Amino acid sequence: MDKKDRLKLVHWVVEQAKKKGADEASVSFSYRREISISHRDGKLEELSESTSNSLSLAIYDNNR
């Protein structure tokens, strides 16, 4: 999922929340990528990569 797709998703989530009756909605999206490399005796021992995405939604109704 690239940056453009993440932004589309965030807008879609806010739109859906408002369609379902929320006065306002706040969305946070985070993307994380980690790379870990370990060496032993001058040689590559382990190489790992991980990515994660998370989305948080806050819905406000009647100013709450």
PDB file of N, CA and C in Angstrom:
ATOM      1  N   MET A   1       0.861  -1.173   0.000  1.00  0.00           N
ATOM      2  CA  MET A   1       0.000   0.000   0.000  1.00  0.00           C
ATOM      3  C   MET A   1       0.910   1.240   0.000  1.00  0.00           C
ATOM      4  N   ASP A   2       0.761   2.064  -1.009  1.00  0.00           N
ATOM      5  CA  ASP A   2       1.592   3.259  -1.066  1.00  0.00           C
ATOM      6  C   ASP A   2       0.900   4.440  -0.381  1.00  0.00           C
ATOM      7  N   LYS A   3       1.598   5.567  -0.338  1.00  0.00           N
ATOM      8  CA  LYS A   3       1.097   6.744   0.376  1.00  0.00           C
ATOM      9  C   LYS A   3      -0.244   7.216  -0.178  1.00  0.00           C
ATOM     10  N   LYS A   4      -0.394   7.191  -1.491  1.00  0.00           N
ATOM     11  CA  LYS A   4      -1.631   7.622  -2.125  1.00  0.00           C
ATOM     12  C   LYS A   4      -2.798   6.725  -1.713  1.00  0.00           C
ATOM     13  N   ASP A   5      -2.580   5.410  -1.671  1.00  0.00           N
ATOM     14  CA  ASP A   5      -3.620   4.474  -1.252  1.00  0.00           C
ATOM     15  C   ASP A   5      -3.997   4.667   0.212  1.00  0.00           C
ATOM     16  N   ARG A   6      -3.006   4.928   1.058  1.00  0.00           N
ATOM     17  CA  ARG A   6      -3.298   5.168   2.481  1.00  0.00           C
ATOM     18  C   ARG A   6      -4.152   6.418   2.654  1.00  0.00           C
ATOM     19  N   LEU A   7      -3.836   7.465   1.904  1.00  0.00           N
ATOM     20  CA  LEU A   7      -4.609   8.702   1.986  1.00  0.00           C
ATOM     21  C   LEU A   7      -6.038   8.486   1.503  1.00  0.00           C
ATOM     22  N   LYS A   8      -6.218   7.740   0.430  1.00  0.00           N
ATOM     23  CA  LYS A   8      -7.567   7.406  -0.055  1.00  0.00           C
ATOM     24  C   LYS A   8      -8.348   6.635   1.006  1.00  0.00           C
ATOM     25  N   LEU A   9      -7.694   5.700   1.665  1.00  0.00           N
ATOM     26  CA  LEU A   9      -8.350   4.909   2.701  1.00  0.00           C
ATOM     27  C   LEU A   9      -8.808   5.788   3.861  1.00  0.00           C
ATOM     28  N   VAL A  10      -7.958   6.694   4.292  1.00  0.00           N
ATOM     29  CA  VAL A  10      -8.301   7.604   5.397  1.00  0.00           C
ATOM     30  C   VAL A  10      -9.521   8.445   5.030  1.00  0.00           C
ATOM     31  N   HIS A  11      -9.541   9.006   3.826  1.00  0.00           N
ATOM     32  CA  HIS A  11     -10.692   9.808   3.395  1.00  0.00           C
ATOM     33  C   HIS A  11     -11.955   8.955   3.311  1.00  0.00           C
ATOM     34  N   TRP A  12     -11.818   7.733   2.814  1.00  0.00           N
ATOM     35  CA  TRP A  12     -12.967   6.841   2.709  1.00  0.00           C
ATOM     36  C   TRP A  12     -13.534   6.516   4.093  1.00  0.00           C
ATOM     37  N   VAL A  13     -12.677   6.265   5.068  1.00  0.00           N
ATOM     38  CA  VAL A  13     -13.131   5.931   6.423  1.00  0.00           C
ATOM     39  C   VAL A  13     -13.903   7.109   7.026  1.00  0.00           C
ATOM     40  N   VAL A  14     -13.390   8.321   6.873  1.00  0.00           N
ATOM     41  CA  VAL A  14     -14.090   9.506   7.401  1.00  0.00           C
ATOM     42  C   VAL A  14     -15.443   9.659   6.708  1.00  0.00           C
ATOM     43  N   GLU A  15     -15.463   9.487   5.406  1.00  0.00           N
ATOM     44  CA  GLU A  15     -16.701   9.588   4.645  1.00  0.00           C
ATOM     45  C   GLU A  15     -17.738   8.554   5.117  1.00  0.00           C
ATOM     46  N   GLN A  16     -17.310   7.333   5.342  1.00  0.00           N
ATOM     47  CA  GLN A  16     -18.228   6.287   5.794  1.00  0.00           C
ATOM     48  C   GLN A  16     -18.764   6.593   7.192  1.00  0.00           C
ATOM     49  N   ALA A  17     -17.918   7.087   8.075  1.00  0.00           N
ATOM     50  CA  ALA A  17     -18.356   7.433   9.434  1.00  0.00           C
ATOM     51  C   ALA A  17     -19.425   8.520   9.388  1.00  0.00           C
ATOM     52  N   LYS A  18     -19.217   9.517   8.540  1.00  0.00           N
ATOM     53  CA  LYS A  18     -20.200  10.603   8.433  1.00  0.00           C
ATOM     54  C   LYS A  18     -21.503  10.112   7.792  1.00  0.00           C
ATOM     55  N   LYS A  19     -21.401   9.210   6.825  1.00  0.00           N
ATOM     56  CA  LYS A  19     -22.612   8.645   6.214  1.00  0.00           C
ATOM     57  C   LYS A  19     -23.436   7.868   7.232  1.00  0.00           C
ATOM     58  N   LYS A  20     -22.765   7.271   8.211  1.00  0.00           N
ATOM     59  CA  LYS A  20     -23.456   6.475   9.237  1.00  0.00           C
ATOM     60  C   LYS A  20     -23.957   7.335  10.397  1.00  0.00           C
ATOM     61  N   GLY A  21     -23.750   8.673  10.317  1.00  0.00           N
ATOM     62  CA  GLY A  21     -24.346   9.550  11.311  1.00  0.00           C
ATOM     63  C   GLY A  21     -23.387  10.293  12.214  1.00  0.00           C
ATOM     64  N   ALA A  22     -22.102  10.094  12.080  1.00  0.00           N
ATOM     65  CA  ALA A  22     -21.157  10.824  12.926  1.00  0.00           C
ATOM     66  C   ALA A  22     -21.138  12.293  12.521  1.00  0.00           C
ATOM     67  N   ASP A  23     -21.073  13.202  13.514  1.00  0.00           N
ATOM     68  CA  ASP A  23     -20.933  14.626  13.214  1.00  0.00           C
ATOM     69  C   ASP A  23     -19.540  14.904  12.656  1.00  0.00           C
ATOM     70  N   GLU A  24     -18.541  14.323  13.260  1.00  0.00           N
ATOM     71  CA  GLU A  24     -17.145  14.459  12.837  1.00  0.00           C
ATOM     72  C   GLU A  24     -16.435  13.134  13.054  1.00  0.00           C
ATOM     73  N   ALA A  25     -15.311  12.971  12.396  1.00  0.00           N
ATOM     74  CA  ALA A  25     -14.503  11.764  12.573  1.00  0.00           C
ATOM     75  C   ALA A  25     -13.037  12.157  12.410  1.00  0.00           C
ATOM     76  N   SER A  26     -12.208  11.500  13.183  1.00  0.00           N
ATOM     77  CA  SER A  26     -10.764  11.737  13.121  1.00  0.00           C
ATOM     78  C   SER A  26     -10.085  10.398  12.875  1.00  0.00           C
ATOM     79  N   VAL A  27      -9.194  10.372  11.893  1.00  0.00           N
ATOM     80  CA  VAL A  27      -8.509   9.137  11.537  1.00  0.00           C
ATOM     81  C   VAL A  27      -7.007   9.359  11.604  1.00  0.00           C
ATOM     82  N   SER A  28      -6.317   8.399  12.193  1.00  0.00           N
ATOM     83  CA  SER A  28      -4.858   8.392  12.195  1.00  0.00           C
ATOM     84  C   SER A  28      -4.409   7.108  11.527  1.00  0.00           C
ATOM     85  N   PHE A  29      -3.414   7.232  10.670  1.00  0.00           N
ATOM     86  CA  PHE A  29      -2.878   6.067   9.984  1.00  0.00           C
ATOM     87  C   PHE A  29      -1.374   6.083  10.157  1.00  0.00           C
ATOM     88  N   SER A  30      -0.814   4.945  10.525  1.00  0.00           N
ATOM     89  CA  SER A  30       0.643   4.885  10.642  1.00  0.00           C
ATOM     90  C   SER A  30       1.180   3.702   9.849  1.00  0.00           C
ATOM     91  N   TYR A  31       2.342   3.903   9.308  1.00  0.00           N
ATOM     92  CA  TYR A  31       3.039   2.898   8.529  1.00  0.00           C
ATOM     93  C   TYR A  31       4.434   2.779   9.122  1.00  0.00           C
ATOM     94  N   ARG A  32       4.859   1.574   9.337  1.00  0.00           N
ATOM     95  CA  ARG A  32       6.162   1.352   9.969  1.00  0.00           C
ATOM     96  C   ARG A  32       6.903   0.248   9.220  1.00  0.00           C
ATOM     97  N   ARG A  33       8.174   0.486   8.951  1.00  0.00           N
ATOM     98  CA  ARG A  33       9.018  -0.514   8.290  1.00  0.00           C
ATOM     99  C   ARG A  33      10.302  -0.645   9.082  1.00  0.00           C
ATOM    100  N   GLU A  34      10.652  -1.867   9.400  1.00  0.00           N
ATOM    101  CA  GLU A  34      11.871  -2.139  10.159  1.00  0.00           C
ATOM    102  C   GLU A  34      12.746  -3.123   9.403  1.00  0.00           C
ATOM    103  N   ILE A  35      14.028  -2.870   9.442  1.00  0.00           N
ATOM    104  CA  ILE A  35      15.009  -3.781   8.868  1.00  0.00           C
ATOM    105  C   ILE A  35      16.053  -4.058   9.941  1.00  0.00           C
ATOM    106  N   SER A  36      16.345  -5.319  10.140  1.00  0.00           N
ATOM    107  CA  SER A  36      17.324  -5.719  11.145  1.00  0.00           C
ATOM    108  C   SER A  36      18.407  -6.566  10.467  1.00  0.00           C
ATOM    109  N   ILE A  37      19.646  -6.212  10.717  1.00  0.00           N
ATOM    110  CA  ILE A  37      20.776  -6.937  10.143  1.00  0.00           C
ATOM    111  C   ILE A  37      21.743  -7.275  11.270  1.00  0.00           C
ATOM    112  N   SER A  38      22.156  -8.521  11.332  1.00  0.00           N
ATOM    113  CA  SER A  38      23.163  -8.888  12.337  1.00  0.00           C
ATOM    114  C   SER A  38      24.338  -9.585  11.643  1.00  0.00           C
ATOM    115  N   HIS A  39      25.523  -9.292  12.160  1.00  0.00           N
ATOM    116  CA  HIS A  39      26.767  -9.859  11.621  1.00  0.00           C
ATOM    117  C   HIS A  39      27.477 -10.643  12.713  1.00  0.00           C
ATOM    118  N   ARG A  40      28.195 -11.640  12.304  1.00  0.00           N
ATOM    119  CA  ARG A  40      29.054 -12.381  13.232  1.00  0.00           C
ATOM    120  C   ARG A  40      30.297 -12.789  12.453  1.00  0.00           C
ATOM    121  N   ASP A  41      31.430 -12.509  13.037  1.00  0.00           N
ATOM    122  CA  ASP A  41      32.712 -12.827  12.412  1.00  0.00           C
ATOM    123  C   ASP A  41      32.817 -12.256  10.998  1.00  0.00           C
ATOM    124  N   GLY A  42      32.303 -11.036  10.823  1.00  0.00           N
ATOM    125  CA  GLY A  42      32.397 -10.365   9.536  1.00  0.00           C
ATOM    126  C   GLY A  42      31.460 -10.881   8.468  1.00  0.00           C
ATOM    127  N   LYS A  43      30.558 -11.774   8.837  1.00  0.00           N
ATOM    128  CA  LYS A  43      29.624 -12.345   7.864  1.00  0.00           C
ATOM    129  C   LYS A  43      28.187 -12.047   8.282  1.00  0.00           C
ATOM    130  N   LEU A  44      27.346 -11.910   7.279  1.00  0.00           N
ATOM    131  CA  LEU A  44      25.920 -11.705   7.525  1.00  0.00           C
ATOM    132  C   LEU A  44      25.344 -12.937   8.212  1.00  0.00           C
ATOM    133  N   GLU A  45      24.731 -12.730   9.369  1.00  0.00           N
ATOM    134  CA  GLU A  45      24.142 -13.854  10.091  1.00  0.00           C
ATOM    135  C   GLU A  45      22.620 -13.892   9.925  1.00  0.00           C
ATOM    136  N   GLU A  46      22.013 -12.726  10.011  1.00  0.00           N
ATOM    137  CA  GLU A  46      20.547 -12.682   9.914  1.00  0.00           C
ATOM    138  C   GLU A  46      20.124 -11.353   9.303  1.00  0.00           C
ATOM    139  N   LEU A  47      19.119 -11.420   8.456  1.00  0.00           N
ATOM    140  CA  LEU A  47      18.531 -10.250   7.824  1.00  0.00           C
ATOM    141  C   LEU A  47      17.028 -10.420   7.890  1.00  0.00           C
ATOM    142  N   SER A  48      16.344  -9.442   8.473  1.00  0.00           N
ATOM    143  CA  SER A  48      14.877  -9.536   8.547  1.00  0.00           C
ATOM    144  C   SER A  48      14.270  -8.175   8.268  1.00  0.00           C
ATOM    145  N   GLU A  49      13.062  -8.226   7.741  1.00  0.00           N
ATOM    146  CA  GLU A  49      12.325  -7.012   7.422  1.00  0.00           C
ATOM    147  C   GLU A  49      10.880  -7.209   7.852  1.00  0.00           C
ATOM    148  N   SER A  50      10.285  -6.164   8.403  1.00  0.00           N
ATOM    149  CA  SER A  50       8.872  -6.234   8.760  1.00  0.00           C
ATOM    150  C   SER A  50       8.213  -4.892   8.467  1.00  0.00           C
ATOM    151  N   THR A  51       6.946  -4.946   8.122  1.00  0.00           N
ATOM    152  CA  THR A  51       6.158  -3.739   7.907  1.00  0.00           C
ATOM    153  C   THR A  51       4.839  -3.882   8.647  1.00  0.00           C
ATOM    154  N   SER A  52       4.314  -2.758   9.082  1.00  0.00           N
ATOM    155  CA  SER A  52       3.003  -2.790   9.735  1.00  0.00           C
ATOM    156  C   SER A  52       2.232  -1.525   9.382  1.00  0.00           C
ATOM    157  N   ASN A  53       0.939  -1.663   9.322  1.00  0.00           N
ATOM    158  CA  ASN A  53       0.013  -0.564   9.096  1.00  0.00           C
ATOM    159  C   ASN A  53      -0.992  -0.578  10.233  1.00  0.00           C
ATOM    160  N   SER A  54      -1.366   0.599  10.695  1.00  0.00           N
ATOM    161  CA  SER A  54      -2.440   0.655  11.692  1.00  0.00           C
ATOM    162  C   SER A  54      -3.317   1.875  11.424  1.00  0.00           C
ATOM    163  N   LEU A  55      -4.590   1.730  11.739  1.00  0.00           N
ATOM    164  CA  LEU A  55      -5.553   2.799  11.532  1.00  0.00           C
ATOM    165  C   LEU A  55      -6.354   2.964  12.810  1.00  0.00           C
ATOM    166  N   SER A  56      -6.523   4.205  13.213  1.00  0.00           N
ATOM    167  CA  SER A  56      -7.289   4.512  14.413  1.00  0.00           C
ATOM    168  C   SER A  56      -8.403   5.483  14.024  1.00  0.00           C
ATOM    169  N   LEU A  57      -9.600   5.233  14.514  1.00  0.00           N
ATOM    170  CA  LEU A  57     -10.766   6.060  14.180  1.00  0.00           C
ATOM    171  C   LEU A  57     -11.425   6.564  15.457  1.00  0.00           C
ATOM    172  N   ALA A  58     -11.658   7.866  15.510  1.00  0.00           N
ATOM    173  CA  ALA A  58     -12.428   8.479  16.612  1.00  0.00           C
ATOM    174  C   ALA A  58     -13.675   9.098  15.981  1.00  0.00           C
ATOM    175  N   ILE A  59     -14.823   8.786  16.552  1.00  0.00           N
ATOM    176  CA  ILE A  59     -16.099   9.280  16.029  1.00  0.00           C
ATOM    177  C   ILE A  59     -16.713  10.225  17.051  1.00  0.00           C
ATOM    178  N   TYR A  60     -17.206  11.370  16.566  1.00  0.00           N
ATOM    179  CA  TYR A  60     -17.801  12.375  17.431  1.00  0.00           C
ATOM    180  C   TYR A  60     -19.267  12.566  17.049  1.00  0.00           C
ATOM    181  N   ASP A  61     -20.137  12.499  18.047  1.00  0.00           N
ATOM    182  CA  ASP A  61     -21.564  12.691  17.846  1.00  0.00           C
ATOM    183  C   ASP A  61     -22.062  13.614  18.946  1.00  0.00           C
ATOM    184  N   ASN A  62     -22.819  14.602  18.590  1.00  0.00           N
ATOM    185  CA  ASN A  62     -23.304  15.606  19.552  1.00  0.00           C
ATOM    186  C   ASN A  62     -22.150  16.243  20.321  1.00  0.00           C
ATOM    187  N   ASN A  63     -21.085  16.578  19.604  1.00  0.00           N
ATOM    188  CA  ASN A  63     -19.887  17.229  20.165  1.00  0.00           C
ATOM    189  C   ASN A  63     -19.201  16.393  21.248  1.00  0.00           C
ATOM    190  N   ARG A  64     -19.337  15.087  21.203  1.00  0.00           N
ATOM    191  CA  ARG A  64     -18.672  14.202  22.169  1.00  0.00           C
ATOM    192  C   ARG A  64     -17.879  13.155  21.436  1.00  0.00           C
TER     193      ARG A  64
END
